[in-house]
PDB file of all heavy atoms in Angstrom:
ATOM      1  N   ARG A   1      13.909 -27.530  -6.372  1.00  0.00           N
ATOM      2  CA  ARG A   1      14.291 -26.643  -7.464  1.00  0.00           C
ATOM      3  C   ARG A   1      13.877 -27.076  -8.716  1.00  0.00           C
ATOM      4  O   ARG A   1      13.411 -26.183  -9.585  1.00  0.00           O
ATOM      5  CB  ARG A   1      15.919 -26.637  -7.366  1.00  0.00           C
ATOM      6  CG  ARG A   1      16.540 -25.449  -8.276  1.00  0.00           C
ATOM      7  CD  ARG A   1      18.012 -25.296  -8.018  1.00  0.00           C
ATOM      8  NE  ARG A   1      18.730 -26.568  -8.251  1.00  0.00           N
ATOM      9  CZ  ARG A   1      19.981 -26.678  -7.906  1.00  0.00           C
ATOM     10  NH1 ARG A   1      20.640 -25.690  -7.263  1.00  0.00           N
ATOM     11  NH2 ARG A   1      20.627 -27.853  -8.147  1.00  0.00           N
ATOM     12  N   ARG A   2      13.862 -28.291  -9.074  1.00  0.00           N
ATOM     13  CA  ARG A   2      13.424 -28.847 -10.329  1.00  0.00           C
ATOM     14  C   ARG A   2      11.865 -28.605 -10.445  1.00  0.00           C
ATOM     15  O   ARG A   2      11.416 -28.099 -11.524  1.00  0.00           O
ATOM     16  CB  ARG A   2      13.734 -30.309 -10.416  1.00  0.00           C
ATOM     17  CG  ARG A   2      13.208 -30.866 -11.817  1.00  0.00           C
ATOM     18  CD  ARG A   2      13.613 -32.347 -11.940  1.00  0.00           C
ATOM     19  NE  ARG A   2      13.177 -32.870 -13.238  1.00  0.00           N
ATOM     20  CZ  ARG A   2      13.293 -34.112 -13.600  1.00  0.00           C
ATOM     21  NH1 ARG A   2      13.843 -34.947 -12.768  1.00  0.00           N
ATOM     22  NH2 ARG A   2      12.890 -34.479 -14.826  1.00  0.00           N
ATOM     23  N   ALA A   3      11.226 -28.800  -9.419  1.00  0.00           N
ATOM     24  CA  ALA A   3       9.664 -28.575  -9.324  1.00  0.00           C
ATOM     25  C   ALA A   3       9.377 -27.111  -9.636  1.00  0.00           C
ATOM     26  O   ALA A   3       8.533 -26.774 -10.444  1.00  0.00           O
ATOM     27  CB  ALA A   3       9.041 -29.009  -8.088  1.00  0.00           C
ATOM     28  N   ALA A   4      10.173 -26.200  -8.958  1.00  0.00           N
ATOM     29  CA  ALA A   4       9.943 -24.769  -9.298  1.00  0.00           C
ATOM     30  C   ALA A   4      10.347 -24.320 -10.654  1.00  0.00           C
ATOM     31  O   ALA A   4       9.586 -23.561 -11.234  1.00  0.00           O
ATOM     32  CB  ALA A   4      10.841 -23.946  -8.207  1.00  0.00           C
ATOM     33  N   ALA A   5      11.347 -24.966 -11.210  1.00  0.00           N
ATOM     34  CA  ALA A   5      11.777 -24.682 -12.564  1.00  0.00           C
ATOM     35  C   ALA A   5      10.692 -25.123 -13.477  1.00  0.00           C
ATOM     36  O   ALA A   5      10.311 -24.397 -14.494  1.00  0.00           O
ATOM     37  CB  ALA A   5      13.108 -25.263 -12.866  1.00  0.00           C
ATOM     38  N   ILE A   6      10.068 -26.347 -13.312  1.00  0.00           N
ATOM     39  CA  ILE A   6       9.039 -26.829 -14.217  1.00  0.00           C
ATOM     40  C   ILE A   6       7.879 -25.898 -14.134  1.00  0.00           C
ATOM     41  O   ILE A   6       7.275 -25.636 -15.177  1.00  0.00           O
ATOM     42  CB  ILE A   6       8.696 -28.257 -13.777  1.00  0.00           C
ATOM     43  CG1 ILE A   6       9.871 -29.222 -14.144  1.00  0.00           C
ATOM     44  CG2 ILE A   6       7.501 -28.753 -14.457  1.00  0.00           C
ATOM     45  CD1 ILE A   6       9.692 -30.576 -13.651  1.00  0.00           C
ATOM     46  N   ARG A   7       7.448 -25.507 -13.024  1.00  0.00           N
ATOM     47  CA  ARG A   7       6.347 -24.667 -12.831  1.00  0.00           C
ATOM     48  C   ARG A   7       6.607 -23.304 -13.520  1.00  0.00           C
ATOM     49  O   ARG A   7       5.675 -22.710 -14.167  1.00  0.00           O
ATOM     50  CB  ARG A   7       6.025 -24.437 -11.385  1.00  0.00           C
ATOM     51  CG  ARG A   7       4.745 -23.553 -11.122  1.00  0.00           C
ATOM     52  CD  ARG A   7       4.432 -23.352  -9.671  1.00  0.00           C
ATOM     53  NE  ARG A   7       3.295 -22.511  -9.475  1.00  0.00           N
ATOM     54  CZ  ARG A   7       2.858 -22.172  -8.268  1.00  0.00           C
ATOM     55  NH1 ARG A   7       3.489 -22.619  -7.156  1.00  0.00           N
ATOM     56  NH2 ARG A   7       1.747 -21.415  -8.126  1.00  0.00           N
ATOM     57  N   THR A   8       7.707 -22.742 -13.328  1.00  0.00           N
ATOM     58  CA  THR A   8       8.125 -21.479 -13.956  1.00  0.00           C
ATOM     59  C   THR A   8       8.057 -21.614 -15.453  1.00  0.00           C
ATOM     60  O   THR A   8       7.507 -20.758 -16.312  1.00  0.00           O
ATOM     61  CB  THR A   8       9.493 -21.019 -13.575  1.00  0.00           C
ATOM     62  OG1 THR A   8       9.525 -20.811 -12.120  1.00  0.00           O
ATOM     63  CG2 THR A   8       9.885 -19.740 -14.195  1.00  0.00           C
ATOM     64  N   PHE A   9       8.630 -22.590 -15.983  1.00  0.00           N
ATOM     65  CA  PHE A   9       8.529 -22.944 -17.467  1.00  0.00           C
ATOM     66  C   PHE A   9       7.163 -23.035 -17.995  1.00  0.00           C
ATOM     67  O   PHE A   9       6.752 -22.454 -19.040  1.00  0.00           O
ATOM     68  CB  PHE A   9       9.397 -24.201 -17.769  1.00  0.00           C
ATOM     69  CG  PHE A   9       9.424 -24.505 -19.300  1.00  0.00           C
ATOM     70  CD1 PHE A   9      10.358 -23.867 -20.033  1.00  0.00           C
ATOM     71  CD2 PHE A   9       8.580 -25.385 -19.865  1.00  0.00           C
ATOM     72  CE1 PHE A   9      10.406 -24.167 -21.457  1.00  0.00           C
ATOM     73  CE2 PHE A   9       8.556 -25.696 -21.210  1.00  0.00           C
ATOM     74  CZ  PHE A   9       9.504 -25.040 -22.003  1.00  0.00           C
ATOM     75  N   GLU A  10       6.331 -23.703 -17.286  1.00  0.00           N
ATOM     76  CA  GLU A  10       4.851 -23.891 -17.699  1.00  0.00           C
ATOM     77  C   GLU A  10       4.103 -22.561 -17.658  1.00  0.00           C
ATOM     78  O   GLU A  10       3.389 -22.219 -18.656  1.00  0.00           O
ATOM     79  CB  GLU A  10       4.247 -24.934 -16.855  1.00  0.00           C
ATOM     80  CG  GLU A  10       4.753 -26.312 -17.120  1.00  0.00           C
ATOM     81  CD  GLU A  10       4.064 -27.343 -16.112  1.00  0.00           C
ATOM     82  OE1 GLU A  10       3.461 -26.881 -15.133  1.00  0.00           O
ATOM     83  OE2 GLU A  10       4.242 -28.537 -16.302  1.00  0.00           O
ATOM     84  N   GLN A  11       4.389 -21.722 -16.651  1.00  0.00           N
ATOM     85  CA  GLN A  11       3.711 -20.474 -16.547  1.00  0.00           C
ATOM     86  C   GLN A  11       4.248 -19.542 -17.694  1.00  0.00           C
ATOM     87  O   GLN A  11       3.400 -18.759 -18.289  1.00  0.00           O
ATOM     88  CB  GLN A  11       3.990 -19.893 -15.168  1.00  0.00           C
ATOM     89  CG  GLN A  11       3.341 -20.456 -14.003  1.00  0.00           C
ATOM     90  CD  GLN A  11       3.655 -19.845 -12.801  1.00  0.00           C
ATOM     91  OE1 GLN A  11       4.614 -19.199 -12.581  1.00  0.00           O
ATOM     92  NE2 GLN A  11       2.861 -20.123 -11.709  1.00  0.00           N
ATOM     93  N   ARG A  12       5.539 -19.698 -18.082  1.00  0.00           N
ATOM     94  CA  ARG A  12       6.057 -18.790 -19.057  1.00  0.00           C
ATOM     95  C   ARG A  12       5.483 -19.213 -20.427  1.00  0.00           C
ATOM     96  O   ARG A  12       5.150 -18.294 -21.214  1.00  0.00           O
ATOM     97  CB  ARG A  12       7.526 -18.929 -19.145  1.00  0.00           C
ATOM     98  CG  ARG A  12       8.313 -17.899 -19.973  1.00  0.00           C
ATOM     99  CD  ARG A  12       9.851 -18.059 -19.784  1.00  0.00           C
ATOM    100  NE  ARG A  12      10.461 -16.942 -20.548  1.00  0.00           N
ATOM    101  CZ  ARG A  12      10.855 -15.839 -19.898  1.00  0.00           C
ATOM    102  NH1 ARG A  12      10.554 -15.642 -18.619  1.00  0.00           N
ATOM    103  NH2 ARG A  12      11.510 -14.828 -20.554  1.00  0.00           N
ATOM    104  N   ALA A  13       5.277 -20.474 -20.601  1.00  0.00           N
ATOM    105  CA  ALA A  13       4.658 -20.941 -21.878  1.00  0.00           C
ATOM    106  C   ALA A  13       3.286 -20.571 -21.981  1.00  0.00           C
ATOM    107  O   ALA A  13       2.765 -20.123 -23.008  1.00  0.00           O
ATOM    108  CB  ALA A  13       4.811 -22.494 -21.946  1.00  0.00           C
ATOM    109  N   ALA A  14       2.552 -20.525 -20.835  1.00  0.00           N
ATOM    110  CA  ALA A  14       1.078 -20.200 -20.856  1.00  0.00           C
ATOM    111  C   ALA A  14       1.028 -18.644 -21.104  1.00  0.00           C
ATOM    112  O   ALA A  14       0.076 -18.249 -21.798  1.00  0.00           O
ATOM    113  CB  ALA A  14       0.506 -20.562 -19.430  1.00  0.00           C
ATOM    114  N   THR A  15       1.867 -17.897 -20.450  1.00  0.00           N
ATOM    115  CA  THR A  15       1.878 -16.487 -20.743  1.00  0.00           C
ATOM    116  C   THR A  15       2.070 -16.140 -22.173  1.00  0.00           C
ATOM    117  O   THR A  15       1.373 -15.318 -22.853  1.00  0.00           O
ATOM    118  CB  THR A  15       2.932 -15.811 -19.888  1.00  0.00           C
ATOM    119  OG1 THR A  15       2.578 -16.108 -18.440  1.00  0.00           O
ATOM    120  CG2 THR A  15       2.958 -14.281 -20.111  1.00  0.00           C
ATOM    121  N   THR A  16       3.090 -16.851 -22.818  1.00  0.00           N
ATOM    122  CA  THR A  16       3.429 -16.654 -24.221  1.00  0.00           C
ATOM    123  C   THR A  16       2.171 -16.948 -25.092  1.00  0.00           C
ATOM    124  O   THR A  16       1.880 -16.203 -26.073  1.00  0.00           O
ATOM    125  CB  THR A  16       4.587 -17.496 -24.602  1.00  0.00           C
ATOM    126  OG1 THR A  16       5.727 -17.192 -23.867  1.00  0.00           O
ATOM    127  CG2 THR A  16       4.899 -17.291 -26.078  1.00  0.00           C
ATOM    128  N   THR A  17       1.501 -18.042 -24.742  1.00  0.00           N
ATOM    129  CA  THR A  17       0.306 -18.429 -25.566  1.00  0.00           C
ATOM    130  C   THR A  17      -0.812 -17.306 -25.442  1.00  0.00           C
ATOM    131  O   THR A  17      -1.456 -17.017 -26.442  1.00  0.00           O
ATOM    132  CB  THR A  17      -0.222 -19.748 -25.050  1.00  0.00           C
ATOM    133  OG1 THR A  17       0.864 -20.760 -25.156  1.00  0.00           O
ATOM    134  CG2 THR A  17      -1.429 -20.234 -25.801  1.00  0.00           C
ATOM    135  N   ARG A  18      -0.969 -16.874 -24.195  1.00  0.00           N
ATOM    136  CA  ARG A  18      -2.064 -15.772 -24.055  1.00  0.00           C
ATOM    137  C   ARG A  18      -1.607 -14.557 -24.798  1.00  0.00           C
ATOM    138  O   ARG A  18      -2.581 -13.857 -25.399  1.00  0.00           O
ATOM    139  CB  ARG A  18      -2.221 -15.586 -22.597  1.00  0.00           C
ATOM    140  CG  ARG A  18      -2.814 -16.770 -21.822  1.00  0.00           C
ATOM    141  CD  ARG A  18      -3.059 -16.379 -20.385  1.00  0.00           C
ATOM    142  NE  ARG A  18      -4.194 -15.400 -20.263  1.00  0.00           N
ATOM    143  CZ  ARG A  18      -4.613 -14.818 -19.193  1.00  0.00           C
ATOM    144  NH1 ARG A  18      -3.990 -15.300 -17.960  1.00  0.00           N
ATOM    145  NH2 ARG A  18      -5.505 -14.008 -19.097  1.00  0.00           N
ATOM    146  N   LEU A  19      -0.534 -14.110 -24.830  1.00  0.00           N
ATOM    147  CA  LEU A  19       0.003 -12.925 -25.495  1.00  0.00           C
ATOM    148  C   LEU A  19      -0.184 -13.097 -27.015  1.00  0.00           C
ATOM    149  O   LEU A  19      -0.594 -12.157 -27.681  1.00  0.00           O
ATOM    150  CB  LEU A  19       1.418 -12.600 -25.086  1.00  0.00           C
ATOM    151  CG  LEU A  19       1.699 -12.111 -23.707  1.00  0.00           C
ATOM    152  CD1 LEU A  19       3.199 -11.968 -23.482  1.00  0.00           C
ATOM    153  CD2 LEU A  19       0.996 -10.725 -23.460  1.00  0.00           C
ATOM    154  N   ARG A  20       0.119 -14.240 -27.564  1.00  0.00           N
ATOM    155  CA  ARG A  20       0.000 -14.507 -28.981  1.00  0.00           C
ATOM    156  C   ARG A  20      -1.501 -14.576 -29.349  1.00  0.00           C
ATOM    157  O   ARG A  20      -1.869 -14.063 -30.351  1.00  0.00           O
ATOM    158  CB  ARG A  20       0.684 -15.800 -29.305  1.00  0.00           C
ATOM    159  CG  ARG A  20       2.220 -15.681 -29.344  1.00  0.00           C
ATOM    160  CD  ARG A  20       2.923 -17.015 -29.568  1.00  0.00           C
ATOM    161  NE  ARG A  20       4.318 -16.834 -29.636  1.00  0.00           N
ATOM    162  CZ  ARG A  20       5.257 -17.787 -29.516  1.00  0.00           C
ATOM    163  NH1 ARG A  20       4.759 -19.050 -29.287  1.00  0.00           N
ATOM    164  NH2 ARG A  20       6.499 -17.563 -29.660  1.00  0.00           N
ATOM    165  N   ALA A  21      -2.358 -15.097 -28.412  1.00  0.00           N
ATOM    166  CA  ALA A  21      -3.726 -15.155 -28.693  1.00  0.00           C
ATOM    167  C   ALA A  21      -4.324 -13.680 -28.653  1.00  0.00           C
ATOM    168  O   ALA A  21      -5.351 -13.436 -29.333  1.00  0.00           O
ATOM    169  CB  ALA A  21      -4.456 -15.935 -27.590  1.00  0.00           C
ATOM    170  N   ALA A  22      -3.660 -12.773 -28.073  1.00  0.00           N
ATOM    171  CA  ALA A  22      -4.150 -11.383 -28.057  1.00  0.00           C
ATOM    172  C   ALA A  22      -3.691 -10.640 -29.144  1.00  0.00           C
ATOM    173  O   ALA A  22      -3.982  -9.365 -29.278  1.00  0.00           O
ATOM    174  CB  ALA A  22      -3.727 -10.690 -26.701  1.00  0.00           C
ATOM    175  N   GLY A  23      -2.909 -11.196 -30.049  1.00  0.00           N
ATOM    176  CA  GLY A  23      -2.487 -10.521 -31.315  1.00  0.00           C
ATOM    177  C   GLY A  23      -1.118 -10.111 -31.303  1.00  0.00           C
ATOM    178  O   GLY A  23      -0.628  -9.500 -32.293  1.00  0.00           O
ATOM    179  N   ALA A  24      -0.230 -10.486 -30.291  1.00  0.00           N
ATOM    180  CA  ALA A  24       1.130  -9.945 -30.267  1.00  0.00           C
ATOM    181  C   ALA A  24       2.080 -11.115 -30.809  1.00  0.00           C
ATOM    182  O   ALA A  24       1.740 -12.338 -30.569  1.00  0.00           O
ATOM    183  CB  ALA A  24       1.511  -9.551 -28.825  1.00  0.00           C
ATOM    184  N   THR A  25       3.186 -10.740 -31.338  1.00  0.00           N
ATOM    185  CA  THR A  25       4.155 -11.627 -31.673  1.00  0.00           C
ATOM    186  C   THR A  25       5.198 -11.696 -30.565  1.00  0.00           C
ATOM    187  O   THR A  25       5.647 -10.664 -30.117  1.00  0.00           O
ATOM    188  CB  THR A  25       4.887 -11.231 -33.000  1.00  0.00           C
ATOM    189  OG1 THR A  25       4.023 -11.108 -33.965  1.00  0.00           O
ATOM    190  CG2 THR A  25       6.026 -12.180 -33.345  1.00  0.00           C
ATOM    191  N   VAL A  26       5.471 -12.949 -30.063  1.00  0.00           N
ATOM    192  CA  VAL A  26       6.296 -13.043 -28.897  1.00  0.00           C
ATOM    193  C   VAL A  26       7.588 -13.770 -29.235  1.00  0.00           C
ATOM    194  O   VAL A  26       7.655 -14.767 -29.968  1.00  0.00           O
ATOM    195  CB  VAL A  26       5.616 -13.884 -27.796  1.00  0.00           C
ATOM    196  CG1 VAL A  26       6.513 -14.003 -26.589  1.00  0.00           C
ATOM    197  CG2 VAL A  26       4.202 -13.231 -27.356  1.00  0.00           C
ATOM    198  N   VAL A  27       8.773 -13.054 -28.915  1.00  0.00           N
ATOM    199  CA  VAL A  27      10.063 -13.621 -29.168  1.00  0.00           C
ATOM    200  C   VAL A  27      10.680 -13.868 -27.813  1.00  0.00           C
ATOM    201  O   VAL A  27      11.009 -12.961 -27.009  1.00  0.00           O
ATOM    202  CB  VAL A  27      10.932 -12.654 -29.894  1.00  0.00           C
ATOM    203  CG1 VAL A  27      12.297 -13.170 -30.060  1.00  0.00           C
ATOM    204  CG2 VAL A  27      10.291 -12.428 -31.317  1.00  0.00           C
ATOM    205  N   ASP A  28      10.813 -15.123 -27.434  1.00  0.00           N
ATOM    206  CA  ASP A  28      11.378 -15.492 -26.172  1.00  0.00           C
ATOM    207  C   ASP A  28      12.748 -16.213 -26.425  1.00  0.00           C
ATOM    208  O   ASP A  28      12.728 -17.399 -26.854  1.00  0.00           O
ATOM    209  CB  ASP A  28      10.398 -16.419 -25.372  1.00  0.00           C
ATOM    210  CG  ASP A  28      10.886 -16.569 -23.920  1.00  0.00           C
ATOM    211  OD1 ASP A  28      11.811 -15.871 -23.409  1.00  0.00           O
ATOM    212  OD2 ASP A  28      10.405 -17.492 -23.215  1.00  0.00           O
ATOM    213  N   ALA A  29      13.827 -15.598 -26.176  1.00  0.00           N
ATOM    214  CA  ALA A  29      15.144 -16.092 -26.651  1.00  0.00           C
ATOM    215  C   ALA A  29      16.101 -16.251 -25.448  1.00  0.00           C
ATOM    216  O   ALA A  29      15.948 -15.655 -24.355  1.00  0.00           O
ATOM    217  CB  ALA A  29      15.797 -15.207 -27.628  1.00  0.00           C
ATOM    218  N   VAL A  30      17.191 -17.020 -25.665  1.00  0.00           N
ATOM    219  CA  VAL A  30      18.208 -17.178 -24.661  1.00  0.00           C
ATOM    220  C   VAL A  30      19.155 -15.941 -24.672  1.00  0.00           C
ATOM    221  O   VAL A  30      19.208 -15.204 -25.641  1.00  0.00           O
ATOM    222  CB  VAL A  30      19.045 -18.492 -24.974  1.00  0.00           C
ATOM    223  CG1 VAL A  30      18.031 -19.682 -24.827  1.00  0.00           C
ATOM    224  CG2 VAL A  30      19.659 -18.428 -26.313  1.00  0.00           C
ATOM    225  N   PRO A  31      19.999 -15.774 -23.641  1.00  0.00           N
ATOM    226  CA  PRO A  31      20.944 -14.703 -23.621  1.00  0.00           C
ATOM    227  C   PRO A  31      21.843 -14.766 -24.811  1.00  0.00           C
ATOM    228  O   PRO A  31      22.311 -15.814 -25.228  1.00  0.00           O
ATOM    229  CB  PRO A  31      21.754 -14.893 -22.397  1.00  0.00           C
ATOM    230  CG  PRO A  31      20.815 -15.607 -21.500  1.00  0.00           C
ATOM    231  CD  PRO A  31      19.925 -16.524 -22.400  1.00  0.00           C
ATOM    232  N   GLY A  32      21.991 -13.618 -25.523  1.00  0.00           N
ATOM    233  CA  GLY A  32      22.841 -13.632 -26.729  1.00  0.00           C
ATOM    234  C   GLY A  32      22.057 -13.803 -28.013  1.00  0.00           C
ATOM    235  O   GLY A  32      22.548 -13.635 -29.084  1.00  0.00           O
ATOM    236  N   GLY A  33      20.813 -14.285 -27.855  1.00  0.00           N
ATOM    237  CA  GLY A  33      20.003 -14.622 -29.094  1.00  0.00           C
ATOM    238  C   GLY A  33      18.750 -13.642 -29.275  1.00  0.00           C
ATOM    239  O   GLY A  33      18.128 -13.735 -30.238  1.00  0.00           O
ATOM    240  N   LEU A  34      18.519 -12.827 -28.267  1.00  0.00           N
ATOM    241  CA  LEU A  34      17.362 -11.944 -28.371  1.00  0.00           C
ATOM    242  C   LEU A  34      17.476 -10.927 -29.535  1.00  0.00           C
ATOM    243  O   LEU A  34      16.537 -10.626 -30.215  1.00  0.00           O
ATOM    244  CB  LEU A  34      17.131 -11.227 -27.008  1.00  0.00           C
ATOM    245  CG  LEU A  34      15.926 -10.245 -27.008  1.00  0.00           C
ATOM    246  CD1 LEU A  34      14.639 -10.966 -27.239  1.00  0.00           C
ATOM    247  CD2 LEU A  34      15.920  -9.410 -25.618  1.00  0.00           C
ATOM    248  N   ALA A  35      18.669 -10.304 -29.619  1.00  0.00           N
ATOM    249  CA  ALA A  35      18.881  -9.277 -30.676  1.00  0.00           C
ATOM    250  C   ALA A  35      18.620  -9.913 -32.030  1.00  0.00           C
ATOM    251  O   ALA A  35      17.966  -9.314 -32.894  1.00  0.00           O
ATOM    252  CB  ALA A  35      20.289  -8.694 -30.581  1.00  0.00           C
ATOM    253  N   ALA A  36      19.277 -11.133 -32.310  1.00  0.00           N
ATOM    254  CA  ALA A  36      19.056 -11.747 -33.685  1.00  0.00           C
ATOM    255  C   ALA A  36      17.599 -12.125 -33.863  1.00  0.00           C
ATOM    256  O   ALA A  36      17.039 -11.924 -34.939  1.00  0.00           O
ATOM    257  CB  ALA A  36      19.930 -12.975 -33.617  1.00  0.00           C
ATOM    258  N   ALA A  37      16.943 -12.650 -32.857  1.00  0.00           N
ATOM    259  CA  ALA A  37      15.562 -13.102 -33.043  1.00  0.00           C
ATOM    260  C   ALA A  37      14.616 -11.851 -33.391  1.00  0.00           C
ATOM    261  O   ALA A  37      13.766 -11.987 -34.148  1.00  0.00           O
ATOM    262  CB  ALA A  37      15.075 -13.807 -31.770  1.00  0.00           C
ATOM    263  N   LEU A  38      14.830 -10.769 -32.579  1.00  0.00           N
ATOM    264  CA  LEU A  38      13.994  -9.603 -32.841  1.00  0.00           C
ATOM    265  C   LEU A  38      14.248  -8.967 -34.172  1.00  0.00           C
ATOM    266  O   LEU A  38      13.397  -8.489 -34.933  1.00  0.00           O
ATOM    267  CB  LEU A  38      14.247  -8.538 -31.757  1.00  0.00           C
ATOM    268  CG  LEU A  38      13.459  -8.780 -30.426  1.00  0.00           C
ATOM    269  CD1 LEU A  38      13.840  -7.682 -29.398  1.00  0.00           C
ATOM    270  CD2 LEU A  38      11.910  -8.844 -30.701  1.00  0.00           C
ATOM    271  N   SER A  39      15.537  -9.010 -34.623  1.00  0.00           N
ATOM    272  CA  SER A  39      15.915  -8.548 -35.957  1.00  0.00           C
ATOM    273  C   SER A  39      15.189  -9.314 -37.044  1.00  0.00           C
ATOM    274  O   SER A  39      14.610  -8.790 -38.015  1.00  0.00           O
ATOM    275  CB  SER A  39      17.410  -8.579 -36.096  1.00  0.00           C
ATOM    276  OG  SER A  39      18.082  -7.777 -35.188  1.00  0.00           O
ATOM    277  N   ASP A  40      15.165 -10.665 -36.891  1.00  0.00           N
ATOM    278  CA  ASP A  40      14.428 -11.508 -37.889  1.00  0.00           C
ATOM    279  C   ASP A  40      13.000 -11.226 -37.873  1.00  0.00           C
ATOM    280  O   ASP A  40      12.315 -11.227 -38.901  1.00  0.00           O
ATOM    281  CB  ASP A  40      14.661 -12.908 -37.577  1.00  0.00           C
ATOM    282  CG  ASP A  40      16.176 -13.315 -37.855  1.00  0.00           C
ATOM    283  OD1 ASP A  40      16.843 -12.637 -38.563  1.00  0.00           O
ATOM    284  OD2 ASP A  40      16.614 -14.394 -37.225  1.00  0.00           O
ATOM    285  N   ALA A  41      12.429 -10.998 -36.613  1.00  0.00           N
ATOM    286  CA  ALA A  41      10.935 -10.727 -36.550  1.00  0.00           C
ATOM    287  C   ALA A  41      10.656  -9.365 -37.266  1.00  0.00           C
ATOM    288  O   ALA A  41       9.692  -9.255 -37.937  1.00  0.00           O
ATOM    289  CB  ALA A  41      10.478 -10.615 -35.054  1.00  0.00           C
ATOM    290  N   TYR A  42      11.519  -8.365 -37.126  1.00  0.00           N
ATOM    291  CA  TYR A  42      11.334  -7.121 -37.771  1.00  0.00           C
ATOM    292  C   TYR A  42      11.440  -7.321 -39.310  1.00  0.00           C
ATOM    293  O   TYR A  42      10.557  -6.765 -40.051  1.00  0.00           O
ATOM    294  CB  TYR A  42      12.335  -6.129 -37.332  1.00  0.00           C
ATOM    295  CG  TYR A  42      12.612  -4.982 -38.358  1.00  0.00           C
ATOM    296  CD1 TYR A  42      11.652  -3.934 -38.453  1.00  0.00           C
ATOM    297  CD2 TYR A  42      13.834  -4.930 -39.059  1.00  0.00           C
ATOM    298  CE1 TYR A  42      11.895  -2.889 -39.417  1.00  0.00           C
ATOM    299  CE2 TYR A  42      14.000  -3.893 -39.965  1.00  0.00           C
ATOM    300  CZ  TYR A  42      13.076  -2.907 -40.169  1.00  0.00           C
ATOM    301  OH  TYR A  42      13.316  -1.915 -41.004  1.00  0.00           O
ATOM    302  N   LEU A  43      12.483  -7.990 -39.736  1.00  0.00           N
ATOM    303  CA  LEU A  43      12.548  -8.345 -41.271  1.00  0.00           C
ATOM    304  C   LEU A  43      11.402  -9.025 -41.737  1.00  0.00           C
ATOM    305  O   LEU A  43      10.944  -8.742 -42.904  1.00  0.00           O
ATOM    306  CB  LEU A  43      13.906  -9.021 -41.487  1.00  0.00           C
ATOM    307  CG  LEU A  43      15.146  -8.189 -41.196  1.00  0.00           C
ATOM    308  CD1 LEU A  43      16.429  -9.084 -41.453  1.00  0.00           C
ATOM    309  CD2 LEU A  43      15.198  -7.005 -42.100  1.00  0.00           C
TER     310      LEU A  43
END
């Protein structure tokens, strides 16, 4: 389970990096924090 979680985290970080390299702003937040993070990105 720990190995799968580490791999998932690494893949998610790599995906975020590729999306940012393509010109997008990426907000990856914990539950309850997505609305605040996106609001700040908009502002």
